[in-house]
């Protein structure tokens, strides 16, 4: 049986994706991984300490666990990426490249979470087309556009089964905010419980796209289970 590897598993998405995958495929079929060290008792299943910027580490984990699919979630999110643009490029692009190379060699599926951050001020806001102008003005958005193109290239050039979704801001209670632009929507509740108040930096009339985390998890798993021959795009679908 080929297993599933989740990188960045201790982040906001991974904290809910890993249990959902284990419930569907079995605990032994899902390998969680992250840069952080986790005591075995706290891992609640198979866990690997993995630095995605180190290609040999990825290759070794994929080979040893006979990985058939990778949900590649390891990345610096938008707000943190603006503070550390060089680090964001190294992790977001270097990590994805290393995962795609491992997938090319071992014939793995790859899920890449893109973002509405891949769009920019010139992108049509109403009924945004699947194929449209993508000129982001943040390092995070730039890495997402480049990541989409890289996945598309590996699918067309090497036949890698790469799939992705452009996710909006995700609302979840399982993991604390991790540095995304829309994480204020989650931080509000943590701050309210701890300090009884929260000063929001957005105007009262500001509107941003949001999605409930269980809906995002379901969309990811449905996309990965879809018939490959029916997929029209290999960069990332609007969701």
C-alpha atoms as a PDB file:
ATOM      1  CA  UNK A   1       0.000   0.000   0.000  1.00  0.00           C
ATOM      2  CA  UNK A   2       1.402   3.406  -0.997  1.00  0.00           C
ATOM      3  CA  UNK A   3       1.081   5.995   1.743  1.00  0.00           C
ATOM      4  CA  UNK A   4       0.251   9.700   1.964  1.00  0.00           C
ATOM      5  CA  UNK A   5       2.787  12.316   3.111  1.00  0.00           C
ATOM      6  CA  UNK A   6       1.652  15.663   4.512  1.00  0.00           C
ATOM      7  CA  UNK A   7       4.334  18.356   4.769  1.00  0.00           C
ATOM      8  CA  UNK A   8       3.772  21.314   7.075  1.00  0.00           C
ATOM      9  CA  UNK A   9       1.398  19.051   8.991  1.00  0.00           C
ATOM     10  CA  UNK A  10       1.447  21.113  12.200  1.00  0.00           C
ATOM     11  CA  UNK A  11       0.092  24.234  10.493  1.00  0.00           C
ATOM     12  CA  UNK A  12      -3.490  25.459  10.260  1.00  0.00           C
ATOM     13  CA  UNK A  13      -4.527  23.242   7.355  1.00  0.00           C
ATOM     14  CA  UNK A  14      -2.424  20.226   8.299  1.00  0.00           C
ATOM     15  CA  UNK A  15      -3.827  20.114  11.834  1.00  0.00           C
ATOM     16  CA  UNK A  16      -7.230  19.230  10.389  1.00  0.00           C
ATOM     17  CA  UNK A  17      -6.201  17.544   7.140  1.00  0.00           C
ATOM     18  CA  UNK A  18      -4.095  14.820   8.775  1.00  0.00           C
ATOM     19  CA  UNK A  19      -6.918  13.533  11.050  1.00  0.00           C
ATOM     20  CA  UNK A  20      -9.362  13.629   8.116  1.00  0.00           C
ATOM     21  CA  UNK A  21      -6.990  11.626   5.910  1.00  0.00           C
ATOM     22  CA  UNK A  22      -6.326   9.116   8.683  1.00  0.00           C
ATOM     23  CA  UNK A  23     -10.034   8.672   9.257  1.00  0.00           C
ATOM     24  CA  UNK A  24     -10.573   7.914   5.567  1.00  0.00           C
ATOM     25  CA  UNK A  25      -7.434   5.923   4.717  1.00  0.00           C
ATOM     26  CA  UNK A  26      -6.340   4.549   8.098  1.00  0.00           C
ATOM     27  CA  UNK A  27      -3.821   5.842  10.630  1.00  0.00           C
ATOM     28  CA  UNK A  28      -0.925   3.843   9.208  1.00  0.00           C
ATOM     29  CA  UNK A  29      -1.465   5.198   5.704  1.00  0.00           C
ATOM     30  CA  UNK A  30      -0.727   8.850   6.535  1.00  0.00           C
ATOM     31  CA  UNK A  31       2.717  10.230   7.437  1.00  0.00           C
ATOM     32  CA  UNK A  32       2.664  13.685   9.018  1.00  0.00           C
ATOM     33  CA  UNK A  33       5.801  15.807   8.743  1.00  0.00           C
ATOM     34  CA  UNK A  34       6.965  19.250   9.761  1.00  0.00           C
ATOM     35  CA  UNK A  35      10.093  21.224  10.561  1.00  0.00           C
ATOM     36  CA  UNK A  36       9.175  21.226  14.236  1.00  0.00           C
ATOM     37  CA  UNK A  37      10.231  18.406  16.522  1.00  0.00           C
ATOM     38  CA  UNK A  38       7.302  16.626  18.134  1.00  0.00           C
ATOM     39  CA  UNK A  39       7.457  14.066  20.984  1.00  0.00           C
ATOM     40  CA  UNK A  40       6.216  10.644  19.778  1.00  0.00           C
ATOM     41  CA  UNK A  41       3.328  10.699  22.256  1.00  0.00           C
ATOM     42  CA  UNK A  42       2.066  14.008  20.838  1.00  0.00           C
ATOM     43  CA  UNK A  43       2.328  12.991  17.175  1.00  0.00           C
ATOM     44  CA  UNK A  44      -0.753  10.694  17.357  1.00  0.00           C
ATOM     45  CA  UNK A  45       0.545   8.659  14.451  1.00  0.00           C
ATOM     46  CA  UNK A  46       3.525   8.315  12.145  1.00  0.00           C
ATOM     47  CA  UNK A  47       5.566  11.528  12.142  1.00  0.00           C
ATOM     48  CA  UNK A  48       8.745  12.661  10.395  1.00  0.00           C
ATOM     49  CA  UNK A  49      10.923  15.675  11.161  1.00  0.00           C
ATOM     50  CA  UNK A  50      11.322  17.057   7.623  1.00  0.00           C
ATOM     51  CA  UNK A  51      12.939  20.170   6.164  1.00  0.00           C
ATOM     52  CA  UNK A  52      11.478  20.603   2.677  1.00  0.00           C
ATOM     53  CA  UNK A  53      14.392  22.780   1.571  1.00  0.00           C
ATOM     54  CA  UNK A  54      16.604  19.683   1.844  1.00  0.00           C
ATOM     55  CA  UNK A  55      15.903  17.510  -1.217  1.00  0.00           C
ATOM     56  CA  UNK A  56      17.617  14.404   0.134  1.00  0.00           C
ATOM     57  CA  UNK A  57      15.391  14.424   3.214  1.00  0.00           C
ATOM     58  CA  UNK A  58      12.269  14.442   1.040  1.00  0.00           C
ATOM     59  CA  UNK A  59      13.572  11.694  -1.229  1.00  0.00           C
ATOM     60  CA  UNK A  60      14.489   9.532   1.760  1.00  0.00           C
ATOM     61  CA  UNK A  61      11.067   9.907   3.412  1.00  0.00           C
ATOM     62  CA  UNK A  62       9.215   9.255   0.147  1.00  0.00           C
ATOM     63  CA  UNK A  63      11.315   6.162  -0.542  1.00  0.00           C
ATOM     64  CA  UNK A  64      11.255   4.721   2.965  1.00  0.00           C
ATOM     65  CA  UNK A  65       7.506   5.112   3.462  1.00  0.00           C
ATOM     66  CA  UNK A  66       6.586   4.206  -0.133  1.00  0.00           C
ATOM     67  CA  UNK A  67       4.692   7.461  -0.574  1.00  0.00           C
ATOM     68  CA  UNK A  68       2.085   7.636  -3.339  1.00  0.00           C
ATOM     69  CA  UNK A  69       0.668  11.107  -2.693  1.00  0.00           C
ATOM     70  CA  UNK A  70       2.026  14.295  -1.127  1.00  0.00           C
ATOM     71  CA  UNK A  71      -0.064  17.110   0.292  1.00  0.00           C
ATOM     72  CA  UNK A  72       2.577  19.830   0.247  1.00  0.00           C
ATOM     73  CA  UNK A  73       1.520  22.430   2.831  1.00  0.00           C
ATOM     74  CA  UNK A  74       4.915  23.641   4.090  1.00  0.00           C
ATOM     75  CA  UNK A  75       5.205  27.374   3.353  1.00  0.00           C
ATOM     76  CA  UNK A  76       5.587  30.811   4.865  1.00  0.00           C
ATOM     77  CA  UNK A  77       2.202  32.522   4.816  1.00  0.00           C
ATOM     78  CA  UNK A  78       1.448  35.976   3.449  1.00  0.00           C
ATOM     79  CA  UNK A  79       2.097  38.288   6.405  1.00  0.00           C
ATOM     80  CA  UNK A  80       5.261  36.440   7.471  1.00  0.00           C
ATOM     81  CA  UNK A  81       6.446  36.236   3.856  1.00  0.00           C
ATOM     82  CA  UNK A  82       6.369  40.038   3.603  1.00  0.00           C
ATOM     83  CA  UNK A  83       8.595  40.263   6.669  1.00  0.00           C
ATOM     84  CA  UNK A  84      10.963  37.566   5.351  1.00  0.00           C
ATOM     85  CA  UNK A  85      10.750  37.661   1.517  1.00  0.00           C
ATOM     86  CA  UNK A  86      14.045  35.830   0.937  1.00  0.00           C
ATOM     87  CA  UNK A  87      13.097  33.048   3.317  1.00  0.00           C
ATOM     88  CA  UNK A  88       9.641  32.852   1.740  1.00  0.00           C
ATOM     89  CA  UNK A  89      11.129  32.356  -1.713  1.00  0.00           C
ATOM     90  CA  UNK A  90      13.556  29.694  -0.461  1.00  0.00           C
ATOM     91  CA  UNK A  91      10.867  27.692   1.341  1.00  0.00           C
ATOM     92  CA  UNK A  92       7.818  28.260  -0.845  1.00  0.00           C
ATOM     93  CA  UNK A  93       9.601  27.741  -4.163  1.00  0.00           C
ATOM     94  CA  UNK A  94      12.541  25.552  -3.160  1.00  0.00           C
ATOM     95  CA  UNK A  95      10.329  23.247  -1.101  1.00  0.00           C
ATOM     96  CA  UNK A  96       7.805  22.832  -3.898  1.00  0.00           C
ATOM     97  CA  UNK A  97      10.539  22.155  -6.451  1.00  0.00           C
ATOM     98  CA  UNK A  98      12.028  19.462  -4.206  1.00  0.00           C
ATOM     99  CA  UNK A  99       8.634  17.821  -3.701  1.00  0.00           C
ATOM    100  CA  UNK A 100       7.893  17.844  -7.434  1.00  0.00           C
ATOM    101  CA  UNK A 101      11.302  16.319  -8.149  1.00  0.00           C
ATOM    102  CA  UNK A 102      10.613  13.532  -5.638  1.00  0.00           C
ATOM    103  CA  UNK A 103       7.188  13.028  -7.217  1.00  0.00           C
ATOM    104  CA  UNK A 104       8.780  12.818 -10.660  1.00  0.00           C
ATOM    105  CA  UNK A 105      11.200  10.134  -9.527  1.00  0.00           C
ATOM    106  CA  UNK A 106       8.729   8.083  -7.454  1.00  0.00           C
ATOM    107  CA  UNK A 107       5.533   8.769  -9.470  1.00  0.00           C
ATOM    108  CA  UNK A 108       3.595  10.458  -6.679  1.00  0.00           C
ATOM    109  CA  UNK A 109       0.511  12.613  -6.773  1.00  0.00           C
ATOM    110  CA  UNK A 110       1.098  16.169  -5.480  1.00  0.00           C
ATOM    111  CA  UNK A 111      -1.432  18.566  -3.977  1.00  0.00           C
ATOM    112  CA  UNK A 112      -0.306  22.201  -3.971  1.00  0.00           C
ATOM    113  CA  UNK A 113      -2.453  24.757  -2.115  1.00  0.00           C
ATOM    114  CA  UNK A 114      -2.497  27.973  -4.080  1.00  0.00           C
ATOM    115  CA  UNK A 115      -4.337  31.046  -2.864  1.00  0.00           C
ATOM    116  CA  UNK A 116      -6.394  34.059  -3.831  1.00  0.00           C
ATOM    117  CA  UNK A 117      -3.087  35.782  -3.016  1.00  0.00           C
ATOM    118  CA  UNK A 118      -2.057  34.677  -6.528  1.00  0.00           C
ATOM    119  CA  UNK A 119      -4.352  37.381  -7.855  1.00  0.00           C
ATOM    120  CA  UNK A 120      -3.616  41.112  -7.790  1.00  0.00           C
ATOM    121  CA  UNK A 121      -5.270  44.525  -8.093  1.00  0.00           C
ATOM    122  CA  UNK A 122      -5.752  44.050 -11.863  1.00  0.00           C
ATOM    123  CA  UNK A 123      -7.563  40.693 -11.514  1.00  0.00           C
ATOM    124  CA  UNK A 124     -11.341  40.834 -12.162  1.00  0.00           C
ATOM    125  CA  UNK A 125     -13.036  40.675  -8.768  1.00  0.00           C
ATOM    126  CA  UNK A 126     -16.532  39.635  -9.846  1.00  0.00           C
ATOM    127  CA  UNK A 127     -16.808  35.999 -10.984  1.00  0.00           C
ATOM    128  CA  UNK A 128     -13.028  35.747 -11.294  1.00  0.00           C
ATOM    129  CA  UNK A 129     -12.245  33.464 -14.269  1.00  0.00           C
ATOM    130  CA  UNK A 130     -10.113  30.357 -13.918  1.00  0.00           C
ATOM    131  CA  UNK A 131      -7.675  31.726 -16.478  1.00  0.00           C
ATOM    132  CA  UNK A 132      -7.180  35.400 -15.745  1.00  0.00           C
ATOM    133  CA  UNK A 133      -4.664  38.149 -14.988  1.00  0.00           C
ATOM    134  CA  UNK A 134      -2.363  37.173 -12.121  1.00  0.00           C
ATOM    135  CA  UNK A 135      -0.063  40.011 -11.083  1.00  0.00           C
ATOM    136  CA  UNK A 136       0.218  39.841  -7.269  1.00  0.00           C
ATOM    137  CA  UNK A 137       2.075  42.524  -5.340  1.00  0.00           C
ATOM    138  CA  UNK A 138       3.239  40.351  -2.421  1.00  0.00           C
ATOM    139  CA  UNK A 139       6.055  37.801  -2.181  1.00  0.00           C
ATOM    140  CA  UNK A 140       3.538  35.196  -1.018  1.00  0.00           C
ATOM    141  CA  UNK A 141       1.369  35.811  -4.065  1.00  0.00           C
ATOM    142  CA  UNK A 142       4.381  35.721  -6.376  1.00  0.00           C
ATOM    143  CA  UNK A 143       5.424  32.310  -5.017  1.00  0.00           C
ATOM    144  CA  UNK A 144       1.884  31.030  -5.490  1.00  0.00           C
ATOM    145  CA  UNK A 145       1.745  32.106  -9.146  1.00  0.00           C
ATOM    146  CA  UNK A 146       5.204  30.643  -9.761  1.00  0.00           C
ATOM    147  CA  UNK A 147       4.165  27.490  -7.910  1.00  0.00           C
ATOM    148  CA  UNK A 148       1.090  27.077 -10.084  1.00  0.00           C
ATOM    149  CA  UNK A 149       3.224  27.407 -13.212  1.00  0.00           C
ATOM    150  CA  UNK A 150       5.793  24.953 -11.855  1.00  0.00           C
ATOM    151  CA  UNK A 151       3.103  22.349 -11.121  1.00  0.00           C
ATOM    152  CA  UNK A 152       1.646  22.900 -14.585  1.00  0.00           C
ATOM    153  CA  UNK A 153       5.121  22.441 -16.095  1.00  0.00           C
ATOM    154  CA  UNK A 154       5.851  19.212 -14.210  1.00  0.00           C
ATOM    155  CA  UNK A 155       2.465  17.824 -15.224  1.00  0.00           C
ATOM    156  CA  UNK A 156       2.991  18.625 -18.892  1.00  0.00           C
ATOM    157  CA  UNK A 157       6.720  17.916 -19.131  1.00  0.00           C
ATOM    158  CA  UNK A 158       7.118  14.904 -16.828  1.00  0.00           C
ATOM    159  CA  UNK A 159       3.574  13.599 -16.333  1.00  0.00           C
ATOM    160  CA  UNK A 160       3.500  14.377 -12.593  1.00  0.00           C
ATOM    161  CA  UNK A 161      -0.061  14.137 -11.277  1.00  0.00           C
ATOM    162  CA  UNK A 162      -0.064  17.646  -9.769  1.00  0.00           C
ATOM    163  CA  UNK A 163      -3.306  19.174  -8.517  1.00  0.00           C
ATOM    164  CA  UNK A 164      -4.179  22.357  -6.673  1.00  0.00           C
ATOM    165  CA  UNK A 165      -6.823  24.750  -5.360  1.00  0.00           C
ATOM    166  CA  UNK A 166      -6.804  28.526  -4.972  1.00  0.00           C
ATOM    167  CA  UNK A 167      -7.984  28.825  -1.390  1.00  0.00           C
ATOM    168  CA  UNK A 168      -9.407  31.945   0.252  1.00  0.00           C
ATOM    169  CA  UNK A 169      -8.864  32.819   3.913  1.00  0.00           C
ATOM    170  CA  UNK A 170      -9.557  29.765   6.071  1.00  0.00           C
ATOM    171  CA  UNK A 171     -11.426  29.947   9.375  1.00  0.00           C
ATOM    172  CA  UNK A 172     -10.484  27.278  11.916  1.00  0.00           C
ATOM    173  CA  UNK A 173     -10.290  26.805  15.668  1.00  0.00           C
ATOM    174  CA  UNK A 174      -7.925  23.824  15.781  1.00  0.00           C
ATOM    175  CA  UNK A 175      -4.583  25.604  15.278  1.00  0.00           C
ATOM    176  CA  UNK A 176      -3.581  29.156  16.296  1.00  0.00           C
ATOM    177  CA  UNK A 177      -3.072  31.792  13.561  1.00  0.00           C
ATOM    178  CA  UNK A 178       0.057  31.178  11.486  1.00  0.00           C
ATOM    179  CA  UNK A 179       0.778  34.502   9.779  1.00  0.00           C
ATOM    180  CA  UNK A 180      -1.763  34.671   6.969  1.00  0.00           C
ATOM    181  CA  UNK A 181      -3.372  37.958   5.933  1.00  0.00           C
ATOM    182  CA  UNK A 182      -6.846  36.744   6.887  1.00  0.00           C
ATOM    183  CA  UNK A 183      -5.764  35.120  10.156  1.00  0.00           C
ATOM    184  CA  UNK A 184      -7.205  38.105  12.015  1.00  0.00           C
ATOM    185  CA  UNK A 185     -10.581  36.364  11.602  1.00  0.00           C
ATOM    186  CA  UNK A 186      -9.304  33.558  13.860  1.00  0.00           C
ATOM    187  CA  UNK A 187      -7.075  35.729  16.068  1.00  0.00           C
ATOM    188  CA  UNK A 188     -10.120  37.781  17.056  1.00  0.00           C
ATOM    189  CA  UNK A 189     -11.482  34.852  19.063  1.00  0.00           C
ATOM    190  CA  UNK A 190      -8.173  34.021  20.758  1.00  0.00           C
ATOM    191  CA  UNK A 191      -7.662  37.674  21.718  1.00  0.00           C
ATOM    192  CA  UNK A 192     -11.261  38.056  22.915  1.00  0.00           C
ATOM    193  CA  UNK A 193     -10.933  35.052  25.210  1.00  0.00           C
ATOM    194  CA  UNK A 194      -7.560  36.114  26.570  1.00  0.00           C
ATOM    195  CA  UNK A 195      -7.806  39.919  26.711  1.00  0.00           C
ATOM    196  CA  UNK A 196     -11.540  40.569  26.285  1.00  0.00           C
ATOM    197  CA  UNK A 197     -10.897  42.903  23.333  1.00  0.00           C
ATOM    198  CA  UNK A 198      -9.367  43.014  19.854  1.00  0.00           C
ATOM    199  CA  UNK A 199      -8.335  46.030  17.746  1.00  0.00           C
ATOM    200  CA  UNK A 200      -8.991  45.068  14.107  1.00  0.00           C
ATOM    201  CA  UNK A 201      -6.820  46.776  11.495  1.00  0.00           C
ATOM    202  CA  UNK A 202      -9.522  46.597   8.799  1.00  0.00           C
ATOM    203  CA  UNK A 203     -12.235  49.115   8.068  1.00  0.00           C
ATOM    204  CA  UNK A 204     -15.796  48.194   8.951  1.00  0.00           C
ATOM    205  CA  UNK A 205     -16.787  47.999   5.281  1.00  0.00           C
ATOM    206  CA  UNK A 206     -13.885  45.756   4.201  1.00  0.00           C
ATOM    207  CA  UNK A 207     -14.884  42.441   2.604  1.00  0.00           C
ATOM    208  CA  UNK A 208     -12.582  39.434   2.226  1.00  0.00           C
ATOM    209  CA  UNK A 209     -13.229  35.903   0.992  1.00  0.00           C
ATOM    210  CA  UNK A 210     -13.388  33.294   3.737  1.00  0.00           C
ATOM    211  CA  UNK A 211     -13.959  29.540   3.877  1.00  0.00           C
ATOM    212  CA  UNK A 212     -14.682  27.204   6.781  1.00  0.00           C
ATOM    213  CA  UNK A 213     -11.783  24.781   7.188  1.00  0.00           C
ATOM    214  CA  UNK A 214     -13.830  21.537   6.947  1.00  0.00           C
ATOM    215  CA  UNK A 215     -15.123  22.712   3.560  1.00  0.00           C
ATOM    216  CA  UNK A 216     -11.546  23.320   2.371  1.00  0.00           C
ATOM    217  CA  UNK A 217     -10.412  19.902   3.613  1.00  0.00           C
ATOM    218  CA  UNK A 218     -13.296  18.228   1.805  1.00  0.00           C
ATOM    219  CA  UNK A 219     -12.450  20.089  -1.431  1.00  0.00           C
ATOM    220  CA  UNK A 220      -8.794  18.992  -1.250  1.00  0.00           C
ATOM    221  CA  UNK A 221      -9.657  15.345  -0.707  1.00  0.00           C
ATOM    222  CA  UNK A 222     -12.304  15.350  -3.433  1.00  0.00           C
ATOM    223  CA  UNK A 223      -9.851  16.867  -5.911  1.00  0.00           C
ATOM    224  CA  UNK A 224      -7.172  14.295  -5.090  1.00  0.00           C
ATOM    225  CA  UNK A 225      -9.710  11.478  -5.568  1.00  0.00           C
ATOM    226  CA  UNK A 226     -10.931  12.802  -8.934  1.00  0.00           C
ATOM    227  CA  UNK A 227     -10.273  10.953 -12.200  1.00  0.00           C
ATOM    228  CA  UNK A 228      -7.052  12.415 -13.623  1.00  0.00           C
ATOM    229  CA  UNK A 229      -8.381  12.272 -17.177  1.00  0.00           C
ATOM    230  CA  UNK A 230     -11.224  14.625 -16.273  1.00  0.00           C
ATOM    231  CA  UNK A 231      -8.968  17.406 -14.929  1.00  0.00           C
ATOM    232  CA  UNK A 232      -8.680  20.338 -17.326  1.00  0.00           C
ATOM    233  CA  UNK A 233      -6.144  22.310 -15.290  1.00  0.00           C
ATOM    234  CA  UNK A 234      -3.001  21.319 -13.441  1.00  0.00           C
ATOM    235  CA  UNK A 235      -2.109  24.611 -11.769  1.00  0.00           C
ATOM    236  CA  UNK A 236      -4.939  25.340  -9.315  1.00  0.00           C
ATOM    237  CA  UNK A 237      -8.717  25.520  -9.469  1.00  0.00           C
ATOM    238  CA  UNK A 238     -10.693  28.443  -8.089  1.00  0.00           C
ATOM    239  CA  UNK A 239     -12.733  27.240  -5.130  1.00  0.00           C
END
